Amino acid sequence: MADKERVTRKLHVKAYWLSESGNVNVTAELQTPRPQEIRYLPFADKLSLNYAKLNSELSKAFGIPQRFGDAQCKLQLFWKDVEGDFVSFSNDMELSEAIEMGAKKDVLHVYFQQIN
């Protein structure tokens, strides 16, 4: 067969829900976050994942309501770069960069906290 089929690889997100008391500060203040809970979330492939879907799936997996009264619950998401810095992301382009630079063996480590 002359044309090779594109192989899509499953992406797993290892999600760390950081305790609300330990605010993530992207300065050197936070060296080792203490996650409140950790879960693996499988996604069909890297190309099918977008920021809104990731945010929604994190909320579902960790039982975080989408709304609290009249206010929408918001999550602040981070990934850790090769230098050990926490890099925040909040849109599809930044998520793609996080996947490109931060995913190891098809696992992206995402740290998040509720910010409202």
C-alpha atoms as a PDB file:
ATOM      1  CA  MET A   1       0.000   0.000   0.000  1.00  0.00           C
ATOM      2  CA  ALA A   2       1.612   3.235  -1.189  1.00  0.00           C
ATOM      3  CA  ASP A   3      -0.195   5.586   1.171  1.00  0.00           C
ATOM      4  CA  LYS A   4       0.307   4.939   4.821  1.00  0.00           C
ATOM      5  CA  GLU A   5      -2.728   5.525   6.985  1.00  0.00           C
ATOM      6  CA  ARG A   6      -2.226   8.180   9.584  1.00  0.00           C
ATOM      7  CA  VAL A   7      -1.999   6.600  12.984  1.00  0.00           C
ATOM      8  CA  THR A   8      -3.800   8.576  15.648  1.00  0.00           C
ATOM      9  CA  ARG A   9      -2.493   8.036  19.103  1.00  0.00           C
ATOM     10  CA  LYS A  10      -4.587   8.217  22.194  1.00  0.00           C
ATOM     11  CA  LEU A  11      -3.684  11.011  24.584  1.00  0.00           C
ATOM     12  CA  HIS A  12      -4.072  10.601  28.321  1.00  0.00           C
ATOM     13  CA  VAL A  13      -4.290  13.604  30.580  1.00  0.00           C
ATOM     14  CA  LYS A  14      -3.038  13.034  34.091  1.00  0.00           C
ATOM     15  CA  ALA A  15      -4.936  15.724  35.963  1.00  0.00           C
ATOM     16  CA  TYR A  16      -3.892  17.088  39.345  1.00  0.00           C
ATOM     17  CA  TRP A  17      -6.557  19.044  41.232  1.00  0.00           C
ATOM     18  CA  LEU A  18      -4.610  21.415  43.446  1.00  0.00           C
ATOM     19  CA  SER A  19      -6.063  22.317  46.818  1.00  0.00           C
ATOM     20  CA  GLU A  20      -7.684  25.715  46.889  1.00  0.00           C
ATOM     21  CA  SER A  21      -5.574  26.780  49.856  1.00  0.00           C
ATOM     22  CA  GLY A  22      -2.323  26.307  47.920  1.00  0.00           C
ATOM     23  CA  ASN A  23      -2.659  28.867  45.152  1.00  0.00           C
ATOM     24  CA  VAL A  24      -0.427  28.260  42.193  1.00  0.00           C
ATOM     25  CA  ASN A  25       2.036  31.049  41.771  1.00  0.00           C
ATOM     26  CA  VAL A  26       4.100  30.663  38.631  1.00  0.00           C
ATOM     27  CA  THR A  27       7.090  32.101  40.429  1.00  0.00           C
ATOM     28  CA  ALA A  28       9.505  29.949  42.393  1.00  0.00           C
ATOM     29  CA  GLU A  29       7.113  30.026  45.378  1.00  0.00           C
ATOM     30  CA  LEU A  30       5.443  26.786  44.292  1.00  0.00           C
ATOM     31  CA  GLN A  31       7.927  23.979  43.895  1.00  0.00           C
ATOM     32  CA  THR A  32       5.869  20.882  44.629  1.00  0.00           C
ATOM     33  CA  PRO A  33       2.101  21.269  44.542  1.00  0.00           C
ATOM     34  CA  ARG A  34       0.066  19.019  46.798  1.00  0.00           C
ATOM     35  CA  PRO A  35      -2.787  17.683  44.700  1.00  0.00           C
ATOM     36  CA  GLN A  36      -6.130  17.171  46.364  1.00  0.00           C
ATOM     37  CA  GLU A  37      -6.920  14.418  43.865  1.00  0.00           C
ATOM     38  CA  ILE A  38      -5.339  12.864  40.752  1.00  0.00           C
ATOM     39  CA  ARG A  39      -7.141  11.212  37.813  1.00  0.00           C
ATOM     40  CA  TYR A  40      -6.316   9.929  34.336  1.00  0.00           C
ATOM     41  CA  LEU A  41      -8.583  11.108  31.519  1.00  0.00           C
ATOM     42  CA  PRO A  42      -8.341   9.339  28.139  1.00  0.00           C
ATOM     43  CA  PHE A  43      -8.997  11.224  24.904  1.00  0.00           C
ATOM     44  CA  ALA A  44      -9.363   9.662  21.458  1.00  0.00           C
ATOM     45  CA  ASP A  45      -6.348  11.496  20.062  1.00  0.00           C
ATOM     46  CA  LYS A  46      -4.359  14.684  20.393  1.00  0.00           C
ATOM     47  CA  LEU A  47      -6.149  16.341  17.494  1.00  0.00           C
ATOM     48  CA  SER A  48      -9.632  15.888  18.968  1.00  0.00           C
ATOM     49  CA  LEU A  49      -8.825  17.695  22.207  1.00  0.00           C
ATOM     50  CA  ASN A  50      -9.612  21.380  22.608  1.00  0.00           C
ATOM     51  CA  TYR A  51      -9.544  23.712  25.598  1.00  0.00           C
ATOM     52  CA  ALA A  52     -13.327  23.802  26.164  1.00  0.00           C
ATOM     53  CA  LYS A  53     -13.553  19.990  26.029  1.00  0.00           C
ATOM     54  CA  LEU A  54     -10.638  19.559  28.448  1.00  0.00           C
ATOM     55  CA  ASN A  55     -12.140  22.089  30.868  1.00  0.00           C
ATOM     56  CA  SER A  56     -15.527  20.348  30.703  1.00  0.00           C
ATOM     57  CA  GLU A  57     -14.049  16.866  31.164  1.00  0.00           C
ATOM     58  CA  LEU A  58     -11.992  18.014  34.159  1.00  0.00           C
ATOM     59  CA  SER A  59     -15.123  19.453  35.775  1.00  0.00           C
ATOM     60  CA  LYS A  60     -17.053  16.216  35.178  1.00  0.00           C
ATOM     61  CA  ALA A  61     -14.285  13.888  36.338  1.00  0.00           C
ATOM     62  CA  PHE A  62     -13.676  15.782  39.563  1.00  0.00           C
ATOM     63  CA  GLY A  63     -17.331  16.627  40.291  1.00  0.00           C
ATOM     64  CA  ILE A  64     -16.855  20.377  39.977  1.00  0.00           C
ATOM     65  CA  PRO A  65     -20.152  22.078  39.084  1.00  0.00           C
ATOM     66  CA  GLN A  66     -20.164  24.132  35.896  1.00  0.00           C
ATOM     67  CA  ARG A  67     -22.077  26.870  37.701  1.00  0.00           C
ATOM     68  CA  PHE A  68     -22.225  28.028  41.292  1.00  0.00           C
ATOM     69  CA  GLY A  69     -25.377  30.081  41.743  1.00  0.00           C
ATOM     70  CA  ASP A  70     -25.292  32.775  39.082  1.00  0.00           C
ATOM     71  CA  ALA A  71     -21.534  32.553  38.567  1.00  0.00           C
ATOM     72  CA  GLN A  72     -19.772  30.196  36.203  1.00  0.00           C
ATOM     73  CA  CYS A  73     -17.125  28.055  37.893  1.00  0.00           C
ATOM     74  CA  LYS A  74     -13.726  28.661  36.348  1.00  0.00           C
ATOM     75  CA  LEU A  75     -10.633  26.521  36.331  1.00  0.00           C
ATOM     76  CA  GLN A  76      -7.085  27.769  35.965  1.00  0.00           C
ATOM     77  CA  LEU A  77      -4.976  25.212  34.079  1.00  0.00           C
ATOM     78  CA  PHE A  78      -1.205  24.719  34.035  1.00  0.00           C
ATOM     79  CA  TRP A  79       1.361  22.355  32.580  1.00  0.00           C
ATOM     80  CA  LYS A  80       4.956  21.966  33.706  1.00  0.00           C
ATOM     81  CA  ASP A  81       7.715  22.732  31.205  1.00  0.00           C
ATOM     82  CA  VAL A  82      11.178  21.132  30.972  1.00  0.00           C
ATOM     83  CA  GLU A  83      12.585  23.715  33.367  1.00  0.00           C
ATOM     84  CA  GLY A  84       9.992  22.816  35.997  1.00  0.00           C
ATOM     85  CA  ASP A  85       8.004  26.041  35.615  1.00  0.00           C
ATOM     86  CA  PHE A  86       4.217  26.017  35.716  1.00  0.00           C
ATOM     87  CA  VAL A  87       2.875  27.479  32.473  1.00  0.00           C
ATOM     88  CA  SER A  88      -0.756  28.542  32.438  1.00  0.00           C
ATOM     89  CA  PHE A  89      -2.944  27.993  29.402  1.00  0.00           C
ATOM     90  CA  SER A  90      -6.425  29.218  28.591  1.00  0.00           C
ATOM     91  CA  ASN A  91      -7.163  28.591  24.909  1.00  0.00           C
ATOM     92  CA  ASP A  92      -6.801  26.038  22.120  1.00  0.00           C
ATOM     93  CA  MET A  93      -3.518  27.410  20.801  1.00  0.00           C
ATOM     94  CA  GLU A  94      -1.852  27.310  24.221  1.00  0.00           C
ATOM     95  CA  LEU A  95      -3.229  23.790  24.827  1.00  0.00           C
ATOM     96  CA  SER A  96      -1.730  22.640  21.518  1.00  0.00           C
ATOM     97  CA  GLU A  97       1.599  24.079  22.600  1.00  0.00           C
ATOM     98  CA  ALA A  98       1.306  22.303  25.968  1.00  0.00           C
ATOM     99  CA  ILE A  99       0.618  19.000  24.200  1.00  0.00           C
ATOM    100  CA  GLU A 100       3.500  19.549  21.775  1.00  0.00           C
ATOM    101  CA  MET A 101       6.015  20.526  24.434  1.00  0.00           C
ATOM    102  CA  GLY A 102       4.705  18.864  27.574  1.00  0.00           C
ATOM    103  CA  ALA A 103       3.273  15.480  26.625  1.00  0.00           C
ATOM    104  CA  LYS A 104       5.590  12.582  27.356  1.00  0.00           C
ATOM    105  CA  LYS A 105       4.735   9.112  26.086  1.00  0.00           C
ATOM    106  CA  ASP A 106       1.261  10.385  25.141  1.00  0.00           C
ATOM    107  CA  VAL A 107       0.535  11.641  28.667  1.00  0.00           C
ATOM    108  CA  LEU A 108       0.018  15.329  29.362  1.00  0.00           C
ATOM    109  CA  HIS A 109       0.260  16.352  33.018  1.00  0.00           C
ATOM    110  CA  VAL A 110      -2.268  19.104  33.749  1.00  0.00           C
ATOM    111  CA  TYR A 111      -2.447  20.921  37.077  1.00  0.00           C
ATOM    112  CA  PHE A 112      -5.542  22.947  37.842  1.00  0.00           C
ATOM    113  CA  GLN A 113      -7.387  24.833  40.510  1.00  0.00           C
ATOM    114  CA  GLN A 114     -10.806  26.384  40.839  1.00  0.00           C
ATOM    115  CA  ILE A 115     -10.472  30.176  40.792  1.00  0.00           C
ATOM    116  CA  ASN A 116     -13.865  31.620  41.701  1.00  0.00           C
END
